[in-house]
Amino acid sequence: MNKNGFFTAVTTLLVLCWAILPAQAALPKNFDISDNYYNVYGGPDLSATLIGDNEFSRGDTVTLNIELMNKGKIAGFKVENEVDLGDYVGEMLQQAEMQYEAQATTAVGILATLKSEDPNIKVKSGPQQAGTLRQGKQSASPTKFTIEINKNASAGTYPLTLELSYQYQHNVQVGGDEFDATTGVVTNKEVGIWYENKTQTQTLNIKVKKEPYFEVTNVTGDLYPDEGGMLRVTYKNIGEEPAKDATVRISAADPISTTDDQAYLGTLNPGESAVAIFDMDVDETATPKPYSLNSEILYEDADGHDQVSDSIKINTEVLPAKESLPGYQTVTGVAFMALAAFFVMLRKKRQD
């Protein structure tokens, strides 16, 4: 085949390859398939492991530590360009390409993205760079993601999707001019590396613990400036486990205060309620409006460990001060004067 015929054949082959390859597999500018000696089969295979405990409480904001490992392998190779005996340039280039082809299992520029399809689990961190990982190696440091668990999430298992995007070496070509017998190298050696993009997905599971969980279902009682009043607060265990020997503790701030800040609820099984009664004081200068108080429940869990619940809000209201009855002071004065006059007349009558 003359030079013009060879050039036409190579050009036609390149056009055909461009037509059949997807966009992400487009031939790089420095890749010349006419000098390709091997095709290697295999590549990276990334595996992710969640380090530490994967069980958390509802309402928690936690950081997940994820370790990556590359379990990739080369499954085989195919000779694409035979070298004639005595072709030292070809032999050296063939050996050089095989050394490069061994790097096909390396994951380059890993970008990790964690996603949650359940609204009860919110991923607070964006995509994280995880570096480059060679075959058989694990990440030097964990990739970290912060998640937020809804305080109303039900106990159970929640799947998270981890996407790992990276590049890997798809193919290699080498070229050169002449073999230098003195140095044992090929002069003007060139290397063309063809990278492709790949994305792997893996499911990581986290668990929301079964435990007691409390909410305020009802608040009754009238509070007045300079008088205070009795608050009756109903607590319900909406969790999955019992709370033994539960005691509620209330925290108040100006203008509301109390010296009666604890109430015993007893054992609350899932779905059960109990009423706590607090004697509250209200400052005489308190503005009539809604107020929010904090409370927490101390209890013993199913394993016999002492626990303290998250803060539980109590919404109440200070009402306008009670007005005195019309004419109250006048009536009181008249009654006092009449009573005084009665005692004077009674004493005078006894003297007579």
Protein backbone atom coordinates (compact mmCIF):
# COMPACT_ATOMS: atom_id res chain seq x y z
CA MET A 1 0.00 0.00 0.00
CA ASN A 2 1.48 3.40 -0.96
CA LYS A 3 1.59 6.36 1.42
CA ASN A 4 -1.55 7.99 0.02
CA GLY A 5 -3.48 4.74 0.36
CA PHE A 6 -2.25 4.20 3.93
CA PHE A 7 -3.20 7.78 4.92
CA THR A 8 -6.67 7.34 3.40
CA ALA A 9 -7.21 4.07 5.32
CA VAL A 10 -6.14 5.56 8.65
CA THR A 11 -8.29 8.65 8.09
CA THR A 12 -11.32 6.51 7.25
CA LEU A 13 -10.78 4.35 10.36
CA LEU A 14 -10.54 7.44 12.58
CA VAL A 15 -13.77 8.86 11.10
CA LEU A 16 -15.55 5.56 11.72
CA CYS A 17 -14.32 5.48 15.33
CA TRP A 18 -15.51 9.03 15.95
CA ALA A 19 -18.92 8.09 14.55
CA ILE A 20 -19.45 5.02 16.75
CA LEU A 21 -17.87 6.18 20.03
CA PRO A 22 -20.03 8.04 22.58
CA ALA A 23 -19.16 11.66 23.43
CA GLN A 24 -17.35 10.79 26.66
CA ALA A 25 -15.17 8.24 24.80
CA ALA A 26 -14.00 10.64 22.05
CA LEU A 27 -10.43 10.03 20.91
CA PRO A 28 -7.98 12.51 22.49
CA LYS A 29 -5.90 14.66 20.16
CA ASN A 30 -2.63 12.94 21.06
CA PHE A 31 -3.92 9.37 20.63
CA ASP A 32 -2.86 7.56 17.42
CA ILE A 33 -4.44 4.08 17.28
CA SER A 34 -2.06 3.00 14.48
CA ASP A 35 0.65 2.54 17.17
CA ASN A 36 -1.50 0.68 19.68
CA TYR A 37 0.15 -2.61 20.75
CA TYR A 38 -2.34 -3.86 23.39
CA ASN A 39 -5.93 -3.56 24.50
CA VAL A 40 -6.35 -4.19 28.23
CA TYR A 41 -9.64 -5.30 29.78
CA GLY A 42 -10.55 -4.26 33.31
CA GLY A 43 -10.45 -1.08 35.34
CA PRO A 44 -11.05 0.49 38.75
CA ASP A 45 -13.70 -0.87 41.10
CA LEU A 46 -14.34 1.41 44.08
CA SER A 47 -15.93 0.18 47.30
CA ALA A 48 -17.14 2.45 50.12
CA THR A 49 -17.40 1.59 53.82
CA LEU A 50 -19.00 3.67 56.57
CA ILE A 51 -16.55 3.94 59.48
CA GLY A 52 -17.93 3.77 63.02
CA ASP A 53 -21.49 3.50 64.27
CA ASN A 54 -24.27 3.95 61.71
CA GLU A 55 -27.09 4.24 64.29
CA PHE A 56 -28.22 7.69 65.42
CA SER A 57 -31.02 9.45 67.29
CA ARG A 58 -33.77 11.42 65.59
CA GLY A 59 -32.94 15.12 65.56
CA ASP A 60 -29.17 14.47 65.36
CA THR A 61 -26.78 16.30 63.04
CA VAL A 62 -23.79 14.00 62.48
CA THR A 63 -20.71 13.66 60.27
CA LEU A 64 -20.33 10.40 58.35
CA ASN A 65 -16.80 9.12 57.69
CA ILE A 66 -16.57 7.06 54.50
CA GLU A 67 -13.51 5.01 53.58
CA LEU A 68 -12.86 4.17 49.92
CA MET A 69 -10.97 1.17 48.55
CA ASN A 70 -10.05 0.33 44.97
CA LYS A 71 -10.65 -3.37 44.26
CA GLY A 72 -10.08 -3.00 40.52
CA LYS A 73 -8.23 -5.60 38.47
CA ILE A 74 -7.05 -6.33 34.96
CA ALA A 75 -9.14 -9.16 33.53
CA GLY A 76 -7.00 -9.72 30.45
CA PHE A 77 -5.36 -8.15 27.39
CA LYS A 78 -5.25 -8.56 23.65
CA VAL A 79 -2.30 -7.99 21.33
CA GLU A 80 -3.29 -5.53 18.62
CA ASN A 81 0.06 -4.94 16.92
CA GLU A 82 2.59 -7.77 16.47
CA VAL A 83 6.30 -6.89 16.53
CA ASP A 84 8.68 -8.50 14.06
CA LEU A 85 11.75 -10.31 15.38
CA GLY A 86 14.70 -7.92 15.46
CA ASP A 87 12.49 -4.81 15.49
CA TYR A 88 14.13 -3.28 18.54
CA VAL A 89 12.09 -0.10 18.35
CA GLY A 90 8.86 -2.09 18.31
CA GLU A 91 9.98 -4.37 21.13
CA MET A 92 10.93 -1.44 23.38
CA LEU A 93 7.72 0.40 22.62
CA GLN A 94 5.68 -2.74 23.23
CA GLN A 95 7.28 -3.24 26.65
CA ALA A 96 6.79 0.43 27.53
CA GLU A 97 3.11 0.30 26.60
CA MET A 98 2.51 -2.77 28.76
CA GLN A 99 3.95 -0.90 31.77
CA TYR A 100 1.57 1.97 31.15
CA GLU A 101 -1.38 -0.36 30.54
CA ALA A 102 -0.91 -1.76 34.06
CA GLN A 103 -2.19 1.58 35.35
CA ALA A 104 -5.64 0.99 33.85
CA THR A 105 -7.01 0.11 37.28
CA THR A 106 -6.20 3.51 38.84
CA ALA A 107 -9.17 5.80 39.62
CA VAL A 108 -8.08 9.38 38.94
CA GLY A 109 -9.67 12.51 40.46
CA ILE A 110 -12.46 10.84 42.44
CA LEU A 111 -15.46 13.09 43.16
CA ALA A 112 -17.86 11.72 45.82
CA THR A 113 -21.48 12.87 46.09
CA LEU A 114 -23.89 11.67 48.80
CA LYS A 115 -27.65 11.80 48.16
CA SER A 116 -30.79 11.03 50.17
CA GLU A 117 -34.19 10.37 48.62
CA ASP A 118 -35.97 10.50 52.00
CA PRO A 119 -36.95 13.99 53.27
CA ASN A 120 -36.26 12.87 56.86
CA ILE A 121 -32.52 12.65 56.07
CA LYS A 122 -30.92 15.81 54.68
CA VAL A 123 -27.36 15.79 53.31
CA LYS A 124 -25.76 19.11 54.30
CA SER A 125 -22.42 18.60 52.46
CA GLY A 126 -21.83 19.06 48.76
CA PRO A 127 -19.59 16.91 46.52
CA GLN A 128 -16.22 16.02 48.08
CA GLN A 129 -12.86 15.51 46.35
CA ALA A 130 -11.40 12.11 47.25
CA GLY A 131 -8.15 12.16 45.25
CA THR A 132 -6.64 9.34 43.19
CA LEU A 133 -6.72 5.71 44.25
CA ARG A 134 -4.53 2.92 42.87
CA GLN A 135 -5.47 -0.77 42.69
CA GLY A 136 -5.54 -2.48 46.10
CA LYS A 137 -5.21 0.80 48.01
CA GLN A 138 -7.61 2.47 50.43
CA SER A 139 -8.05 6.18 50.99
CA ALA A 140 -5.49 7.81 53.28
CA SER A 141 -8.25 9.73 55.07
CA PRO A 142 -12.02 9.29 55.12
CA THR A 143 -14.35 11.33 52.95
CA LYS A 144 -16.70 13.28 55.24
CA PHE A 145 -20.37 14.19 54.81
CA THR A 146 -22.64 15.93 57.32
CA ILE A 147 -26.27 14.80 57.50
CA GLU A 148 -29.26 16.07 59.48
CA ILE A 149 -31.93 13.67 60.78
CA ASN A 150 -35.44 15.06 61.13
CA LYS A 151 -36.64 15.13 64.73
CA ASN A 152 -39.88 13.50 63.58
CA ALA A 153 -38.19 10.68 61.64
CA SER A 154 -39.48 7.20 62.40
CA ALA A 155 -37.11 4.57 63.71
CA GLY A 156 -35.73 2.32 61.01
CA THR A 157 -33.17 2.02 58.21
CA TYR A 158 -32.58 4.82 55.70
CA PRO A 159 -30.54 4.23 52.50
CA LEU A 160 -28.13 6.87 51.21
CA THR A 161 -26.73 6.81 47.66
CA LEU A 162 -23.02 7.47 47.20
CA GLU A 163 -21.96 8.44 43.67
CA LEU A 164 -18.25 8.11 42.84
CA SER A 165 -17.20 9.79 39.60
CA TYR A 166 -13.65 9.53 38.28
CA GLN A 167 -11.47 9.04 35.21
CA TYR A 168 -9.57 5.91 34.32
CA GLN A 169 -7.03 4.97 31.67
CA HIS A 170 -8.90 3.41 28.76
CA ASN A 171 -5.99 2.83 26.42
CA VAL A 172 -2.34 3.78 25.77
CA GLN A 173 -0.21 4.19 22.66
CA VAL A 174 3.50 4.75 22.41
CA GLY A 175 5.68 5.90 19.54
CA GLY A 176 9.31 6.77 18.80
CA ASP A 177 11.92 7.17 16.09
CA GLU A 178 14.98 4.96 16.52
CA PHE A 179 16.56 2.53 18.94
CA ASP A 180 19.77 3.86 20.47
CA ALA A 181 21.95 0.79 21.17
CA THR A 182 24.28 2.82 23.37
CA THR A 183 21.64 4.02 25.80
CA GLY A 184 19.15 1.22 25.21
CA VAL A 185 16.26 3.61 24.70
CA VAL A 186 14.07 4.74 21.85
CA THR A 187 14.67 8.34 20.78
CA ASN A 188 11.84 10.86 20.69
CA LYS A 189 9.52 8.47 22.51
CA GLU A 190 5.93 9.72 22.82
CA VAL A 191 3.08 8.41 24.95
CA GLY A 192 -0.61 8.99 24.29
CA ILE A 193 -3.10 8.17 27.06
CA TRP A 194 -6.82 7.92 26.50
CA TYR A 195 -8.96 8.56 29.61
CA GLU A 196 -12.66 7.90 30.01
CA ASN A 197 -15.16 9.01 32.64
CA LYS A 198 -16.92 6.51 34.87
CA THR A 199 -19.46 6.74 37.70
CA GLN A 200 -20.15 4.05 40.30
CA THR A 201 -23.00 4.12 42.80
CA GLN A 202 -23.27 2.37 46.14
CA THR A 203 -25.90 2.30 48.88
CA LEU A 204 -24.91 3.11 52.46
CA ASN A 205 -27.47 2.51 55.20
CA ILE A 206 -27.93 4.51 58.39
CA LYS A 207 -30.33 3.66 61.20
CA VAL A 208 -32.54 5.81 63.43
CA LYS A 209 -32.69 4.30 66.92
CA LYS A 210 -35.79 2.97 68.61
CA GLU A 211 -36.10 5.10 71.76
CA PRO A 212 -38.60 7.16 73.76
CA TYR A 213 -39.54 10.48 72.18
CA PHE A 214 -41.77 13.10 73.75
CA GLU A 215 -44.08 15.87 72.70
CA VAL A 216 -46.42 18.26 74.50
CA THR A 217 -49.99 17.56 73.46
CA ASN A 218 -51.90 19.98 75.73
CA VAL A 219 -51.28 22.98 77.99
CA THR A 220 -53.95 24.45 80.31
CA GLY A 221 -53.87 27.09 83.04
CA ASP A 222 -54.16 30.88 83.23
CA LEU A 223 -51.21 33.07 84.13
CA TYR A 224 -51.67 36.68 85.27
CA PRO A 225 -49.16 39.45 86.07
CA ASP A 226 -48.27 39.60 89.78
CA GLU A 227 -50.34 36.48 90.40
CA GLY A 228 -48.98 33.61 88.28
CA GLY A 229 -51.05 30.47 88.16
CA MET A 230 -51.00 26.70 87.77
CA LEU A 231 -49.83 25.16 84.49
CA ARG A 232 -50.97 21.66 83.55
CA VAL A 233 -48.81 20.20 80.77
CA THR A 234 -49.59 16.88 79.07
CA TYR A 235 -46.57 14.91 77.78
CA LYS A 236 -46.91 11.97 75.39
CA ASN A 237 -44.31 9.30 74.51
CA ILE A 238 -44.54 9.08 70.72
CA GLY A 239 -41.39 6.92 70.47
CA GLU A 240 -40.96 3.16 70.20
CA GLU A 241 -39.48 2.35 73.62
CA PRO A 242 -40.74 2.91 77.22
CA ALA A 243 -39.36 5.66 79.48
CA LYS A 244 -39.09 4.45 83.07
CA ASP A 245 -39.30 6.70 86.16
CA ALA A 246 -39.68 9.78 84.01
CA THR A 247 -39.35 13.21 85.66
CA VAL A 248 -39.91 16.46 83.80
CA ARG A 249 -37.87 19.56 84.58
CA ILE A 250 -38.99 23.03 83.46
CA SER A 251 -36.84 26.09 82.76
CA ALA A 252 -38.41 29.54 82.96
CA ALA A 253 -37.07 33.03 82.18
CA ASP A 254 -38.23 36.54 83.00
CA PRO A 255 -40.96 37.53 83.49
CA ILE A 256 -42.01 33.96 84.39
CA SER A 257 -40.37 32.02 87.21
CA THR A 258 -41.02 29.08 89.50
CA THR A 259 -39.64 27.33 92.55
CA ASP A 260 -41.66 24.25 91.60
CA ASP A 261 -39.63 23.23 88.55
CA GLN A 262 -39.96 19.41 88.58
CA ALA A 263 -42.84 16.96 88.28
CA TYR A 264 -42.88 13.16 88.34
CA LEU A 265 -44.48 11.42 85.35
CA GLY A 266 -43.76 7.78 86.19
CA THR A 267 -43.27 5.17 83.46
CA LEU A 268 -44.47 6.20 79.99
CA ASN A 269 -44.89 3.35 77.54
CA PRO A 270 -45.12 4.11 73.80
CA GLY A 271 -48.35 6.00 73.12
CA GLU A 272 -49.01 6.84 76.81
CA SER A 273 -49.45 10.33 78.28
CA ALA A 274 -49.02 11.92 81.71
CA VAL A 275 -49.80 15.37 83.14
CA ALA A 276 -47.23 17.54 84.94
CA ILE A 277 -48.44 20.41 87.17
CA PHE A 278 -46.26 23.47 87.82
CA ASP A 279 -46.93 26.43 90.13
CA MET A 280 -45.71 29.45 88.16
CA ASP A 281 -44.99 33.04 89.23
CA VAL A 282 -45.36 36.03 86.91
CA ASP A 283 -43.76 39.43 87.44
CA GLU A 284 -46.20 42.31 87.95
CA THR A 285 -44.64 44.18 84.98
CA ALA A 286 -45.08 41.24 82.58
CA THR A 287 -46.47 42.12 79.15
CA PRO A 288 -49.59 40.11 78.26
CA LYS A 289 -48.55 37.94 75.29
CA PRO A 290 -47.57 34.35 74.37
CA TYR A 291 -44.43 32.92 75.97
CA SER A 292 -42.40 29.76 75.37
CA LEU A 293 -40.86 27.73 78.18
CA ASN A 294 -38.28 24.95 77.89
CA SER A 295 -38.55 21.55 79.53
CA GLU A 296 -36.70 18.23 79.42
CA ILE A 297 -37.48 14.74 80.64
CA LEU A 298 -35.07 12.62 82.66
CA TYR A 299 -35.76 8.89 82.38
CA GLU A 300 -34.32 5.38 82.41
CA ASP A 301 -34.17 3.59 79.05
CA ALA A 302 -34.87 -0.07 78.30
CA ASP A 303 -31.22 -0.95 79.03
CA GLY A 304 -31.31 0.68 82.46
CA HIS A 305 -29.25 3.74 81.44
CA ASP A 306 -30.15 7.26 82.57
CA GLN A 307 -31.10 9.52 79.67
CA VAL A 308 -32.15 13.12 79.13
CA SER A 309 -34.51 14.06 76.32
CA ASP A 310 -34.06 16.91 73.89
CA SER A 311 -35.57 20.25 74.90
CA ILE A 312 -39.38 20.22 74.69
CA LYS A 313 -41.20 23.54 74.19
CA ILE A 314 -44.19 24.56 76.32
CA ASN A 315 -46.26 27.32 74.72
CA THR A 316 -48.32 29.35 77.17
CA GLU A 317 -49.64 32.90 77.57
CA VAL A 318 -49.69 35.66 80.15
CA LEU A 319 -53.18 37.18 80.25
CA PRO A 320 -54.02 40.85 81.02
CA ALA A 321 -54.15 41.66 84.74
CA LYS A 322 -57.48 41.18 86.41
CA GLU A 323 -59.43 44.41 86.89
CA SER A 324 -60.90 45.35 90.29
CA LEU A 325 -64.68 45.16 90.57
CA PRO A 326 -66.47 48.56 90.05
CA GLY A 327 -67.02 50.47 93.34
CA TYR A 328 -65.03 47.88 95.27
CA GLN A 329 -63.11 50.44 97.31
CA THR A 330 -66.25 52.46 98.08
CA VAL A 331 -68.21 49.41 99.20
CA THR A 332 -65.29 48.30 101.38
CA GLY A 333 -65.10 51.76 103.02
CA VAL A 334 -68.85 51.90 103.74
CA ALA A 335 -68.82 48.40 105.18
CA PHE A 336 -65.90 49.28 107.47
CA MET A 337 -67.59 52.46 108.69
CA ALA A 338 -70.86 50.62 109.35
CA LEU A 339 -69.06 47.91 111.29
CA ALA A 340 -67.23 50.54 113.36
CA ALA A 341 -70.48 52.34 114.14
CA PHE A 342 -72.08 49.05 115.19
CA PHE A 343 -69.30 48.34 117.72
CA VAL A 344 -69.55 51.89 119.12
CA MET A 345 -73.31 51.58 119.64
CA LEU A 346 -72.92 48.12 121.18
CA ARG A 347 -70.32 49.36 123.64
CA LYS A 348 -72.43 52.38 124.62
CA LYS A 349 -75.46 50.20 125.21
CA ARG A 350 -73.47 47.94 127.55
CA GLN A 351 -72.28 50.97 129.55
CA ASP A 352 -75.88 52.20 130.02
